[in-house]
C-alpha atoms as a PDB file:
ATOM      1  CA  MET A   1       0.000   0.000   0.000  1.00  0.00           C
ATOM      2  CA  LYS A   2       1.344   3.421  -0.966  1.00  0.00           C
ATOM      3  CA  PRO A   3       1.400   6.012   1.825  1.00  0.00           C
ATOM      4  CA  PHE A   4      -1.083   8.893   1.586  1.00  0.00           C
ATOM      5  CA  PRO A   5       0.556  12.213   0.692  1.00  0.00           C
ATOM      6  CA  THR A   6       1.025  14.594   3.588  1.00  0.00           C
ATOM      7  CA  LEU A   7      -1.033  17.747   3.898  1.00  0.00           C
ATOM      8  CA  LEU A   8       2.132  19.717   3.151  1.00  0.00           C
ATOM      9  CA  ALA A   9       2.728  17.792  -0.049  1.00  0.00           C
ATOM     10  CA  LEU A  10      -0.897  18.266  -1.082  1.00  0.00           C
ATOM     11  CA  GLY A  11      -0.569  21.983  -0.451  1.00  0.00           C
ATOM     12  CA  LEU A  12       2.580  22.216  -2.538  1.00  0.00           C
ATOM     13  CA  LEU A  13       0.949  20.292  -5.359  1.00  0.00           C
ATOM     14  CA  ALA A  14      -2.127  22.519  -5.262  1.00  0.00           C
ATOM     15  CA  GLY A  15       0.004  25.651  -5.259  1.00  0.00           C
ATOM     16  CA  ALA A  16       2.043  24.433  -8.197  1.00  0.00           C
ATOM     17  CA  GLY A  17      -1.143  23.627 -10.082  1.00  0.00           C
ATOM     18  CA  ALA A  18      -2.611  27.063  -9.395  1.00  0.00           C
ATOM     19  CA  ALA A  19       0.606  28.780 -10.465  1.00  0.00           C
ATOM     20  CA  HIS A  20       0.622  26.746 -13.664  1.00  0.00           C
ATOM     21  CA  ALA A  21      -3.010  27.644 -14.353  1.00  0.00           C
ATOM     22  CA  GLN A  22      -2.297  31.360 -13.866  1.00  0.00           C
ATOM     23  CA  ARG A  23       0.780  31.374 -16.085  1.00  0.00           C
ATOM     24  CA  LYS A  24      -0.312  32.645 -19.499  1.00  0.00           C
ATOM     25  CA  PRO A  25       1.886  32.818 -22.567  1.00  0.00           C
ATOM     26  CA  ALA A  26       3.013  36.302 -23.486  1.00  0.00           C
ATOM     27  CA  PRO A  27       0.971  37.675 -26.399  1.00  0.00           C
ATOM     28  CA  ALA A  28       2.780  37.435 -29.718  1.00  0.00           C
ATOM     29  CA  THR A  29       1.038  40.490 -31.122  1.00  0.00           C
ATOM     30  CA  SER A  30      -0.975  43.457 -29.896  1.00  0.00           C
ATOM     31  CA  GLY A  31      -4.281  42.150 -31.221  1.00  0.00           C
ATOM     32  CA  ASN A  32      -6.975  44.553 -32.409  1.00  0.00           C
ATOM     33  CA  PRO A  33      -8.401  46.404 -30.601  1.00  0.00           C
ATOM     34  CA  ILE A  34      -5.203  47.032 -28.674  1.00  0.00           C
ATOM     35  CA  PHE A  35      -6.923  47.853 -25.375  1.00  0.00           C
ATOM     36  CA  PRO A  36     -10.503  47.427 -24.103  1.00  0.00           C
ATOM     37  CA  GLY A  37     -13.183  50.113 -24.049  1.00  0.00           C
ATOM     38  CA  TRP A  38     -14.882  52.458 -26.480  1.00  0.00           C
ATOM     39  CA  TYR A  39     -12.283  54.951 -27.691  1.00  0.00           C
ATOM     40  CA  ALA A  40     -11.675  56.909 -30.896  1.00  0.00           C
ATOM     41  CA  ASP A  41      -9.506  59.561 -32.595  1.00  0.00           C
ATOM     42  CA  PRO A  42      -6.236  58.179 -31.173  1.00  0.00           C
ATOM     43  CA  GLU A  43      -3.134  60.378 -30.997  1.00  0.00           C
ATOM     44  CA  VAL A  44       0.078  58.342 -30.730  1.00  0.00           C
ATOM     45  CA  ALA A  45       3.405  59.722 -29.495  1.00  0.00           C
ATOM     46  CA  ILE A  46       6.780  58.539 -28.212  1.00  0.00           C
ATOM     47  CA  PHE A  47       8.159  59.882 -24.944  1.00  0.00           C
ATOM     48  CA  GLY A  48      11.463  58.395 -23.878  1.00  0.00           C
ATOM     49  CA  LYS A  49      11.200  54.641 -24.236  1.00  0.00           C
ATOM     50  CA  GLU A  50       7.408  54.492 -24.159  1.00  0.00           C
ATOM     51  CA  TYR A  51       4.618  54.778 -26.673  1.00  0.00           C
ATOM     52  CA  TRP A  52       1.622  56.825 -25.576  1.00  0.00           C
ATOM     53  CA  ILE A  53      -1.899  56.964 -26.995  1.00  0.00           C
ATOM     54  CA  TYR A  54      -4.401  59.709 -26.160  1.00  0.00           C
ATOM     55  CA  PRO A  55      -7.886  58.918 -27.545  1.00  0.00           C
ATOM     56  CA  THR A  56     -11.356  60.406 -27.340  1.00  0.00           C
ATOM     57  CA  TYR A  57     -13.588  58.634 -24.840  1.00  0.00           C
ATOM     58  CA  SER A  58     -16.257  57.445 -27.269  1.00  0.00           C
ATOM     59  CA  ALA A  59     -19.616  58.097 -25.628  1.00  0.00           C
ATOM     60  CA  PRO A  60     -22.574  60.500 -25.984  1.00  0.00           C
ATOM     61  CA  TYR A  61     -21.355  64.120 -25.923  1.00  0.00           C
ATOM     62  CA  ASN A  62     -22.586  64.847 -22.402  1.00  0.00           C
ATOM     63  CA  GLN A  63     -20.550  61.903 -21.103  1.00  0.00           C
ATOM     64  CA  GLN A  64     -17.382  62.976 -22.907  1.00  0.00           C
ATOM     65  CA  VAL A  65     -16.048  64.968 -19.980  1.00  0.00           C
ATOM     66  CA  TYR A  66     -12.601  63.404 -19.571  1.00  0.00           C
ATOM     67  CA  LEU A  67      -9.651  61.949 -21.446  1.00  0.00           C
ATOM     68  CA  ASP A  68      -7.754  58.757 -20.610  1.00  0.00           C
ATOM     69  CA  ALA A  69      -4.279  57.853 -21.839  1.00  0.00           C
ATOM     70  CA  PHE A  70      -2.474  54.556 -22.454  1.00  0.00           C
ATOM     71  CA  SER A  71       1.244  53.778 -22.385  1.00  0.00           C
ATOM     72  CA  SER A  72       3.286  50.833 -23.643  1.00  0.00           C
ATOM     73  CA  PRO A  73       6.945  49.810 -23.828  1.00  0.00           C
ATOM     74  CA  ASP A  74       6.406  47.721 -26.963  1.00  0.00           C
ATOM     75  CA  LEU A  75       2.986  48.359 -28.633  1.00  0.00           C
ATOM     76  CA  VAL A  76       1.684  45.060 -27.212  1.00  0.00           C
ATOM     77  CA  HIS A  77       1.316  45.613 -23.458  1.00  0.00           C
ATOM     78  CA  TRP A  78      -0.717  48.711 -22.561  1.00  0.00           C
ATOM     79  CA  THR A  79      -1.271  50.478 -19.226  1.00  0.00           C
ATOM     80  CA  LYS A  80      -4.287  52.721 -18.722  1.00  0.00           C
ATOM     81  CA  HIS A  81      -3.875  56.172 -17.134  1.00  0.00           C
ATOM     82  CA  PRO A  82      -7.423  57.304 -16.281  1.00  0.00           C
ATOM     83  CA  ARG A  83      -8.644  60.900 -16.482  1.00  0.00           C
ATOM     84  CA  VAL A  84      -5.402  62.627 -17.408  1.00  0.00           C
ATOM     85  CA  LEU A  85      -7.642  65.619 -18.158  1.00  0.00           C
ATOM     86  CA  ASP A  86     -11.284  66.314 -17.365  1.00  0.00           C
ATOM     87  CA  THR A  87     -13.692  69.243 -17.425  1.00  0.00           C
ATOM     88  CA  ALA A  88     -13.082  69.946 -13.734  1.00  0.00           C
ATOM     89  CA  ALA A  89      -9.723  71.364 -14.831  1.00  0.00           C
ATOM     90  CA  VAL A  90     -11.180  73.272 -17.801  1.00  0.00           C
ATOM     91  CA  LYS A  91     -13.815  75.708 -16.573  1.00  0.00           C
ATOM     92  CA  TRP A  92     -15.026  76.714 -20.035  1.00  0.00           C
ATOM     93  CA  ALA A  93     -15.549  73.096 -21.176  1.00  0.00           C
ATOM     94  CA  HIS A  94     -18.611  71.120 -20.150  1.00  0.00           C
ATOM     95  CA  ARG A  95     -18.851  68.253 -22.680  1.00  0.00           C
ATOM     96  CA  ALA A  96     -17.555  66.775 -25.936  1.00  0.00           C
ATOM     97  CA  MET A  97     -13.823  66.619 -25.202  1.00  0.00           C
ATOM     98  CA  TRP A  98     -12.415  65.431 -28.494  1.00  0.00           C
ATOM     99  CA  ALA A  99      -9.379  64.267 -30.418  1.00  0.00           C
ATOM    100  CA  PRO A 100      -6.421  65.121 -28.170  1.00  0.00           C
ATOM    101  CA  ALA A 101      -3.044  66.018 -29.652  1.00  0.00           C
ATOM    102  CA  ILE A 102       0.150  66.163 -27.612  1.00  0.00           C
ATOM    103  CA  VAL A 103       3.686  67.552 -27.851  1.00  0.00           C
ATOM    104  CA  THR A 104       6.499  67.940 -25.359  1.00  0.00           C
ATOM    105  CA  LYS A 105       8.685  71.022 -25.083  1.00  0.00           C
ATOM    106  CA  GLY A 106      10.977  72.388 -22.378  1.00  0.00           C
ATOM    107  CA  GLY A 107      10.250  69.502 -20.036  1.00  0.00           C
ATOM    108  CA  LYS A 108       6.481  70.133 -20.189  1.00  0.00           C
ATOM    109  CA  TYR A 109       3.730  68.204 -21.965  1.00  0.00           C
ATOM    110  CA  TYR A 110       1.075  70.147 -23.850  1.00  0.00           C
ATOM    111  CA  LEU A 111      -2.251  68.468 -24.578  1.00  0.00           C
ATOM    112  CA  PHE A 112      -4.457  70.142 -27.188  1.00  0.00           C
ATOM    113  CA  PHE A 113      -8.134  69.173 -27.228  1.00  0.00           C
ATOM    114  CA  GLY A 114     -11.505  70.178 -28.604  1.00  0.00           C
ATOM    115  CA  ALA A 115     -14.469  70.824 -26.315  1.00  0.00           C
ATOM    116  CA  ASN A 116     -18.180  71.703 -26.393  1.00  0.00           C
ATOM    117  CA  ASP A 117     -18.899  70.882 -30.095  1.00  0.00           C
ATOM    118  CA  TYR A 118     -19.028  74.612 -30.769  1.00  0.00           C
ATOM    119  CA  HIS A 119     -21.810  75.875 -33.059  1.00  0.00           C
ATOM    120  CA  PRO A 120     -21.960  79.703 -33.023  1.00  0.00           C
ATOM    121  CA  GLU A 121     -25.472  79.721 -34.485  1.00  0.00           C
ATOM    122  CA  LYS A 122     -26.803  78.091 -31.308  1.00  0.00           C
ATOM    123  CA  LEU A 123     -27.416  81.042 -29.016  1.00  0.00           C
ATOM    124  CA  ASN A 124     -27.761  78.915 -25.874  1.00  0.00           C
ATOM    125  CA  GLU A 125     -24.559  76.972 -26.520  1.00  0.00           C
ATOM    126  CA  PRO A 126     -21.572  78.053 -24.391  1.00  0.00           C
ATOM    127  CA  PRO A 127     -18.461  78.967 -26.370  1.00  0.00           C
ATOM    128  CA  GLY A 128     -16.086  76.168 -27.169  1.00  0.00           C
ATOM    129  CA  GLY A 129     -13.301  75.254 -29.513  1.00  0.00           C
ATOM    130  CA  ILE A 130      -9.699  74.133 -29.205  1.00  0.00           C
ATOM    131  CA  GLY A 131      -8.000  74.321 -25.818  1.00  0.00           C
ATOM    132  CA  VAL A 132      -4.557  73.496 -24.493  1.00  0.00           C
ATOM    133  CA  ALA A 133      -3.573  71.973 -21.150  1.00  0.00           C
ATOM    134  CA  VAL A 134      -0.146  71.420 -19.605  1.00  0.00           C
ATOM    135  CA  ALA A 135       1.450  68.865 -17.253  1.00  0.00           C
ATOM    136  CA  ASP A 136       4.856  67.879 -15.944  1.00  0.00           C
ATOM    137  CA  ASN A 137       4.609  64.309 -17.234  1.00  0.00           C
ATOM    138  CA  PRO A 138       2.644  62.500 -19.948  1.00  0.00           C
ATOM    139  CA  ALA A 139       0.272  60.858 -17.453  1.00  0.00           C
ATOM    140  CA  GLY A 140      -0.878  64.244 -16.178  1.00  0.00           C
ATOM    141  CA  PRO A 141      -2.755  65.559 -14.397  1.00  0.00           C
ATOM    142  CA  PHE A 142      -3.136  68.232 -17.078  1.00  0.00           C
ATOM    143  CA  LYS A 143      -4.285  71.751 -16.189  1.00  0.00           C
ATOM    144  CA  ASP A 144      -5.859  74.333 -18.467  1.00  0.00           C
ATOM    145  CA  LEU A 145      -3.138  76.646 -19.779  1.00  0.00           C
ATOM    146  CA  LEU A 146      -5.228  79.613 -20.911  1.00  0.00           C
ATOM    147  CA  GLY A 147      -8.576  79.575 -19.100  1.00  0.00           C
ATOM    148  CA  LYS A 148     -10.260  79.965 -22.494  1.00  0.00           C
ATOM    149  CA  PRO A 149     -10.105  78.366 -25.951  1.00  0.00           C
ATOM    150  CA  LEU A 150      -6.967  78.827 -27.996  1.00  0.00           C
ATOM    151  CA  VAL A 151      -9.208  78.804 -31.084  1.00  0.00           C
ATOM    152  CA  GLY A 152     -12.829  79.675 -30.373  1.00  0.00           C
ATOM    153  CA  THR A 153     -14.073  81.093 -33.662  1.00  0.00           C
ATOM    154  CA  ILE A 154     -14.955  79.809 -37.109  1.00  0.00           C
ATOM    155  CA  GLU A 155     -12.096  80.626 -39.476  1.00  0.00           C
ATOM    156  CA  ASN A 156     -12.279  79.919 -43.210  1.00  0.00           C
ATOM    157  CA  GLY A 157     -15.374  77.805 -42.557  1.00  0.00           C
ATOM    158  CA  ALA A 158     -13.536  75.354 -40.284  1.00  0.00           C
ATOM    159  CA  GLN A 159     -15.132  74.234 -37.035  1.00  0.00           C
ATOM    160  CA  PRO A 160     -12.443  74.458 -34.308  1.00  0.00           C
ATOM    161  CA  ILE A 161     -12.039  70.711 -33.681  1.00  0.00           C
ATOM    162  CA  ASP A 162      -9.697  67.828 -34.590  1.00  0.00           C
ATOM    163  CA  GLN A 163      -6.481  69.630 -33.779  1.00  0.00           C
ATOM    164  CA  PHE A 164      -3.036  68.280 -34.617  1.00  0.00           C
ATOM    165  CA  VAL A 165       0.288  69.901 -33.730  1.00  0.00           C
ATOM    166  CA  PHE A 166       2.901  69.520 -36.448  1.00  0.00           C
ATOM    167  CA  HIS A 167       6.466  70.026 -35.236  1.00  0.00           C
ATOM    168  CA  ASP A 168       8.258  70.572 -38.527  1.00  0.00           C
ATOM    169  CA  PRO A 169      11.763  69.082 -38.353  1.00  0.00           C
ATOM    170  CA  LYS A 170      12.828  71.332 -41.234  1.00  0.00           C
ATOM    171  CA  ASP A 171      12.435  74.661 -39.421  1.00  0.00           C
ATOM    172  CA  GLY A 172      11.736  73.534 -35.843  1.00  0.00           C
ATOM    173  CA  GLN A 173       8.454  75.441 -35.749  1.00  0.00           C
ATOM    174  CA  TYR A 174       5.147  74.225 -34.307  1.00  0.00           C
ATOM    175  CA  TYR A 175       1.975  74.520 -36.356  1.00  0.00           C
ATOM    176  CA  LEU A 176      -1.633  73.885 -35.379  1.00  0.00           C
ATOM    177  CA  VAL A 177      -3.466  72.008 -38.135  1.00  0.00           C
ATOM    178  CA  TYR A 178      -7.180  71.611 -37.488  1.00  0.00           C
ATOM    179  CA  GLY A 179     -10.721  71.753 -38.741  1.00  0.00           C
ATOM    180  CA  GLY A 180     -14.085  70.107 -39.198  1.00  0.00           C
ATOM    181  CA  TRP A 181     -16.989  70.861 -41.533  1.00  0.00           C
ATOM    182  CA  GLN A 182     -14.849  69.997 -44.585  1.00  0.00           C
ATOM    183  CA  HIS A 183     -12.381  72.831 -44.023  1.00  0.00           C
ATOM    184  CA  CYS A 184      -8.800  72.680 -42.746  1.00  0.00           C
ATOM    185  CA  ASN A 185      -6.563  75.481 -41.447  1.00  0.00           C
ATOM    186  CA  ILE A 186      -2.933  75.810 -40.443  1.00  0.00           C
ATOM    187  CA  ALA A 187      -1.631  78.395 -37.963  1.00  0.00           C
ATOM    188  CA  HIS A 188       1.862  79.104 -36.606  1.00  0.00           C
ATOM    189  CA  LEU A 189       1.950  78.602 -32.819  1.00  0.00           C
ATOM    190  CA  THR A 190       3.889  80.932 -30.552  1.00  0.00           C
ATOM    191  CA  ASP A 191       6.800  79.463 -28.617  1.00  0.00           C
ATOM    192  CA  ASP A 192       4.712  79.130 -25.444  1.00  0.00           C
ATOM    193  CA  PHE A 193       1.613  77.736 -27.218  1.00  0.00           C
ATOM    194  CA  THR A 194      -0.572  80.564 -25.907  1.00  0.00           C
ATOM    195  CA  GLY A 195      -1.369  82.083 -29.298  1.00  0.00           C
ATOM    196  CA  PHE A 196      -0.306  82.436 -32.909  1.00  0.00           C
ATOM    197  CA  VAL A 197       2.271  84.235 -35.035  1.00  0.00           C
ATOM    198  CA  PRO A 198       0.692  85.775 -38.163  1.00  0.00           C
ATOM    199  CA  PHE A 199       2.179  84.705 -41.465  1.00  0.00           C
ATOM    200  CA  ALA A 200       4.124  87.147 -43.643  1.00  0.00           C
ATOM    201  CA  ASP A 201       0.947  88.154 -45.497  1.00  0.00           C
ATOM    202  CA  GLY A 202      -0.757  89.072 -42.212  1.00  0.00           C
ATOM    203  CA  VAL A 203      -3.060  86.039 -42.205  1.00  0.00           C
ATOM    204  CA  THR A 204      -3.224  83.997 -38.976  1.00  0.00           C
ATOM    205  CA  PHE A 205      -5.335  81.049 -40.168  1.00  0.00           C
ATOM    206  CA  LYS A 206      -4.374  79.816 -43.630  1.00  0.00           C
ATOM    207  CA  SER A 207      -6.681  77.415 -45.464  1.00  0.00           C
ATOM    208  CA  ILE A 208      -5.016  74.251 -46.796  1.00  0.00           C
ATOM    209  CA  THR A 209      -8.185  72.252 -47.495  1.00  0.00           C
ATOM    210  CA  PRO A 210      -7.584  69.452 -50.027  1.00  0.00           C
ATOM    211  CA  ASP A 211     -10.180  67.757 -52.212  1.00  0.00           C
ATOM    212  CA  LYS A 212     -12.718  65.632 -50.285  1.00  0.00           C
ATOM    213  CA  TYR A 213     -11.339  66.657 -46.878  1.00  0.00           C
ATOM    214  CA  VAL A 214     -13.801  66.220 -43.989  1.00  0.00           C
ATOM    215  CA  GLU A 215     -11.869  66.239 -40.677  1.00  0.00           C
ATOM    216  CA  GLY A 216      -9.071  64.612 -38.644  1.00  0.00           C
ATOM    217  CA  PRO A 217      -5.936  66.189 -40.203  1.00  0.00           C
ATOM    218  CA  LEU A 218      -2.392  64.975 -39.603  1.00  0.00           C
ATOM    219  CA  MET A 219       1.066  65.834 -40.995  1.00  0.00           C
ATOM    220  CA  PHE A 220       4.514  64.291 -40.963  1.00  0.00           C
ATOM    221  CA  ARG A 221       7.719  64.518 -42.962  1.00  0.00           C
ATOM    222  CA  ARG A 222       9.456  61.607 -44.646  1.00  0.00           C
ATOM    223  CA  GLN A 223      12.442  61.908 -46.952  1.00  0.00           C
ATOM    224  CA  GLY A 224      11.919  65.640 -47.284  1.00  0.00           C
ATOM    225  CA  LYS A 225       8.260  65.448 -48.296  1.00  0.00           C
ATOM    226  CA  VAL A 226       5.268  66.548 -46.214  1.00  0.00           C
ATOM    227  CA  TYR A 227       2.487  63.979 -45.968  1.00  0.00           C
ATOM    228  CA  PHE A 228      -0.916  65.488 -45.221  1.00  0.00           C
ATOM    229  CA  MET A 229      -3.558  62.966 -44.129  1.00  0.00           C
ATOM    230  CA  TRP A 230      -7.220  63.369 -43.182  1.00  0.00           C
ATOM    231  CA  SER A 231     -10.526  61.509 -42.750  1.00  0.00           C
ATOM    232  CA  GLU A 232     -13.397  61.352 -45.218  1.00  0.00           C
ATOM    233  CA  GLY A 233     -17.030  60.287 -44.834  1.00  0.00           C
ATOM    234  CA  GLY A 234     -19.245  60.374 -41.751  1.00  0.00           C
ATOM    235  CA  TRP A 235     -17.700  59.277 -38.452  1.00  0.00           C
ATOM    236  CA  THR A 236     -20.685  57.131 -37.431  1.00  0.00           C
ATOM    237  CA  GLY A 237     -20.940  55.295 -40.734  1.00  0.00           C
ATOM    238  CA  PRO A 238     -19.158  52.320 -42.290  1.00  0.00           C
ATOM    239  CA  ASP A 239     -17.495  54.393 -45.034  1.00  0.00           C
ATOM    240  CA  TYR A 240     -15.354  56.562 -42.751  1.00  0.00           C
ATOM    241  CA  SER A 241     -11.832  56.373 -44.192  1.00  0.00           C
ATOM    242  CA  VAL A 242      -8.389  57.985 -44.454  1.00  0.00           C
ATOM    243  CA  ALA A 243      -6.873  59.682 -47.506  1.00  0.00           C
ATOM    244  CA  TYR A 244      -3.684  61.661 -48.074  1.00  0.00           C
ATOM    245  CA  ALA A 245      -1.701  64.069 -50.208  1.00  0.00           C
ATOM    246  CA  ILE A 246       1.999  64.880 -50.559  1.00  0.00           C
ATOM    247  CA  GLY A 247       3.540  68.340 -50.681  1.00  0.00           C
ATOM    248  CA  ASP A 248       6.826  70.176 -50.280  1.00  0.00           C
ATOM    249  CA  SER A 249       5.780  72.318 -47.306  1.00  0.00           C
ATOM    250  CA  PRO A 250       3.077  72.378 -44.606  1.00  0.00           C
ATOM    251  CA  PHE A 251       1.251  74.997 -46.666  1.00  0.00           C
ATOM    252  CA  GLY A 252       0.847  72.856 -49.757  1.00  0.00           C
ATOM    253  CA  PRO A 253      -0.380  72.907 -52.354  1.00  0.00           C
ATOM    254  CA  PHE A 254      -1.760  69.451 -51.582  1.00  0.00           C
ATOM    255  CA  GLU A 255      -3.224  67.292 -54.320  1.00  0.00           C
ATOM    256  CA  ARG A 256      -5.187  64.303 -53.095  1.00  0.00           C
ATOM    257  CA  VAL A 257      -3.491  60.958 -53.896  1.00  0.00           C
ATOM    258  CA  GLY A 258      -6.215  58.624 -52.619  1.00  0.00           C
ATOM    259  CA  LYS A 259      -7.454  56.489 -49.745  1.00  0.00           C
ATOM    260  CA  ILE A 260      -5.140  54.215 -47.793  1.00  0.00           C
ATOM    261  CA  LEU A 261      -7.378  53.094 -44.910  1.00  0.00           C
ATOM    262  CA  GLN A 262     -11.015  52.054 -45.127  1.00  0.00           C
ATOM    263  CA  GLN A 263     -13.467  49.414 -43.977  1.00  0.00           C
ATOM    264  CA  ASP A 264     -13.054  45.703 -44.543  1.00  0.00           C
ATOM    265  CA  PRO A 265     -16.492  44.036 -44.288  1.00  0.00           C
ATOM    266  CA  GLN A 266     -14.759  40.903 -42.965  1.00  0.00           C
ATOM    267  CA  VAL A 267     -12.886  42.705 -40.181  1.00  0.00           C
ATOM    268  CA  GLY A 268     -14.366  46.084 -39.213  1.00  0.00           C
ATOM    269  CA  THR A 269     -16.053  49.203 -40.539  1.00  0.00           C
ATOM    270  CA  GLY A 270     -15.655  52.949 -40.224  1.00  0.00           C
ATOM    271  CA  ALA A 271     -11.851  52.858 -40.102  1.00  0.00           C
ATOM    272  CA  GLY A 272     -10.603  56.412 -39.718  1.00  0.00           C
ATOM    273  CA  HIS A 273      -9.397  59.373 -37.646  1.00  0.00           C
ATOM    274  CA  HIS A 274      -5.873  58.153 -37.163  1.00  0.00           C
ATOM    275  CA  SER A 275      -2.350  59.133 -36.246  1.00  0.00           C
ATOM    276  CA  VAL A 276       1.029  57.720 -37.239  1.00  0.00           C
ATOM    277  CA  ILE A 277       4.337  57.033 -35.531  1.00  0.00           C
ATOM    278  CA  ASN A 278       7.846  56.410 -36.827  1.00  0.00           C
ATOM    279  CA  VAL A 279      10.191  54.271 -34.730  1.00  0.00           C
ATOM    280  CA  PRO A 280      13.253  56.513 -34.205  1.00  0.00           C
ATOM    281  CA  GLY A 281      16.285  55.558 -36.264  1.00  0.00           C
ATOM    282  CA  THR A 282      14.265  53.338 -38.613  1.00  0.00           C
ATOM    283  CA  ASP A 283      11.872  53.595 -41.541  1.00  0.00           C
ATOM    284  CA  ARG A 284       9.278  51.547 -39.660  1.00  0.00           C
ATOM    285  CA  TRP A 285       5.900  53.267 -39.439  1.00  0.00           C
ATOM    286  CA  TYR A 286       2.635  52.444 -37.680  1.00  0.00           C
ATOM    287  CA  ILE A 287      -0.868  53.791 -38.111  1.00  0.00           C
ATOM    288  CA  VAL A 288      -3.173  53.934 -35.075  1.00  0.00           C
ATOM    289  CA  TYR A 289      -6.863  54.428 -35.855  1.00  0.00           C
ATOM    290  CA  HIS A 290     -10.366  53.576 -34.700  1.00  0.00           C
ATOM    291  CA  ARG A 291     -13.004  51.330 -36.237  1.00  0.00           C
ATOM    292  CA  HIS A 292     -16.432  49.882 -35.495  1.00  0.00           C
ATOM    293  CA  PRO A 293     -16.921  46.206 -34.615  1.00  0.00           C
ATOM    294  CA  LEU A 294     -18.741  44.191 -37.252  1.00  0.00           C
ATOM    295  CA  GLY A 295     -22.502  44.299 -36.901  1.00  0.00           C
ATOM    296  CA  ASP A 296     -22.487  47.043 -34.233  1.00  0.00           C
ATOM    297  CA  LYS A 297     -24.777  49.917 -35.242  1.00  0.00           C
ATOM    298  CA  ASP A 298     -23.983  52.230 -32.312  1.00  0.00           C
ATOM    299  CA  GLY A 299     -21.904  55.082 -33.741  1.00  0.00           C
ATOM    300  CA  ASN A 300     -20.107  55.583 -30.437  1.00  0.00           C
ATOM    301  CA  HIS A 301     -18.893  51.990 -30.323  1.00  0.00           C
ATOM    302  CA  ARG A 302     -15.411  52.626 -31.659  1.00  0.00           C
ATOM    303  CA  GLN A 303     -12.195  50.788 -30.805  1.00  0.00           C
ATOM    304  CA  VAL A 304      -8.520  51.721 -31.158  1.00  0.00           C
ATOM    305  CA  CYS A 305      -6.463  49.522 -33.491  1.00  0.00           C
ATOM    306  CA  ILE A 306      -2.946  49.501 -34.951  1.00  0.00           C
ATOM    307  CA  GLU A 307      -1.328  48.284 -38.175  1.00  0.00           C
ATOM    308  CA  GLU A 308       2.031  48.685 -39.867  1.00  0.00           C
ATOM    309  CA  MET A 309       2.131  51.347 -42.582  1.00  0.00           C
ATOM    310  CA  HIS A 310       4.381  50.889 -45.622  1.00  0.00           C
ATOM    311  CA  PHE A 311       5.588  53.050 -48.507  1.00  0.00           C
ATOM    312  CA  ASP A 312       6.344  51.997 -52.065  1.00  0.00           C
ATOM    313  CA  LYS A 313       9.561  52.864 -53.904  1.00  0.00           C
ATOM    314  CA  ASN A 314       8.059  56.156 -55.084  1.00  0.00           C
ATOM    315  CA  GLY A 315       7.165  57.238 -51.562  1.00  0.00           C
ATOM    316  CA  ARG A 316       3.458  56.611 -51.848  1.00  0.00           C
ATOM    317  CA  ILE A 317       1.632  55.068 -48.909  1.00  0.00           C
ATOM    318  CA  GLU A 318       0.462  51.538 -49.627  1.00  0.00           C
ATOM    319  CA  PRO A 319      -3.133  50.598 -48.730  1.00  0.00           C
ATOM    320  CA  VAL A 320      -3.350  49.426 -45.129  1.00  0.00           C
ATOM    321  CA  LYS A 321      -4.943  46.053 -44.485  1.00  0.00           C
ATOM    322  CA  LEU A 322      -7.210  45.819 -41.425  1.00  0.00           C
ATOM    323  CA  THR A 323      -6.314  42.913 -39.146  1.00  0.00           C
ATOM    324  CA  THR A 324      -7.396  41.334 -35.895  1.00  0.00           C
ATOM    325  CA  THR A 325      -3.796  40.427 -35.013  1.00  0.00           C
ATOM    326  CA  GLY A 326      -2.379  43.949 -34.900  1.00  0.00           C
ATOM    327  CA  VAL A 327       1.416  44.214 -34.731  1.00  0.00           C
ATOM    328  CA  ALA A 328       4.376  42.400 -33.192  1.00  0.00           C
ATOM    329  CA  ALA A 329       6.238  43.836 -30.211  1.00  0.00           C
ATOM    330  CA  GLN A 330       8.495  46.776 -31.071  1.00  0.00           C
ATOM    331  CA  PRO A 331      10.436  47.928 -27.998  1.00  0.00           C
ATOM    332  CA  LEU A 332      12.154  51.309 -28.154  1.00  0.00           C
ATOM    333  CA  LYS A 333      15.929  51.505 -27.826  1.00  0.00           C
END
């Protein structure tokens, strides 16, 4: 007869079994969506050896009163940083905090955002527009820099939303590129981000609207060329998509090349309002965007996803294929 195992041995065996059950293999890819929750309009940035994403909290306007952020060392493992900014810190904003954009300068982090879904024709609607908040680190907490919108008027037909800050490596200057309602403006930011420097012709807000532009502008330089990207279609619908143009300067002229991101009825719909990131020291690029799950008719049900973005030998952006696998780990050196 074999002896019964001791209570100690049973305990050790049980503990080993539990540890084995809890041990999960490391994910090989990010998967899509890359983190849980309804989020949209993602802005991606690199700070030090971490990737950061700042999205819109995708909910009815009156619930959009805060912004979360997410950080990752490798694009696969993400940590949530809740409420890096909310309306309690922005007295003029009461709802619809949208499409954050972020830059770092002088050891500070500046978060640009839209608020209030400003429509000047609505007499009972409080003023709104594009604001800017500041913090000492990328996880916040961010505080309102101005106490009022940085852009709170309609210029050249553009609603003051969907802001992007383009730091041009050619001249070192910072430009605000923004606009909804099918109009896009560019303006030269002052060094402290509290206002604008008029252009040589005296104009502060210069229109750079390309053909079929709707909203969600973005710019970057690659091999000396300026890539101007934007979203087309309606944000709640399946045909939301991303198109682009190429120019020699941030002021254009920009001639539309075509779409590079759009729905795949087998994967997801409404793929749009994106940002891009280049891994420093490489020609590896990623596009971060939102899309709707298949079969989900709620316009606010949007999820943040990521894919690699490639260029052909002529510098044109190749069409991006939507996936459920996402991307492999890409640690920063």
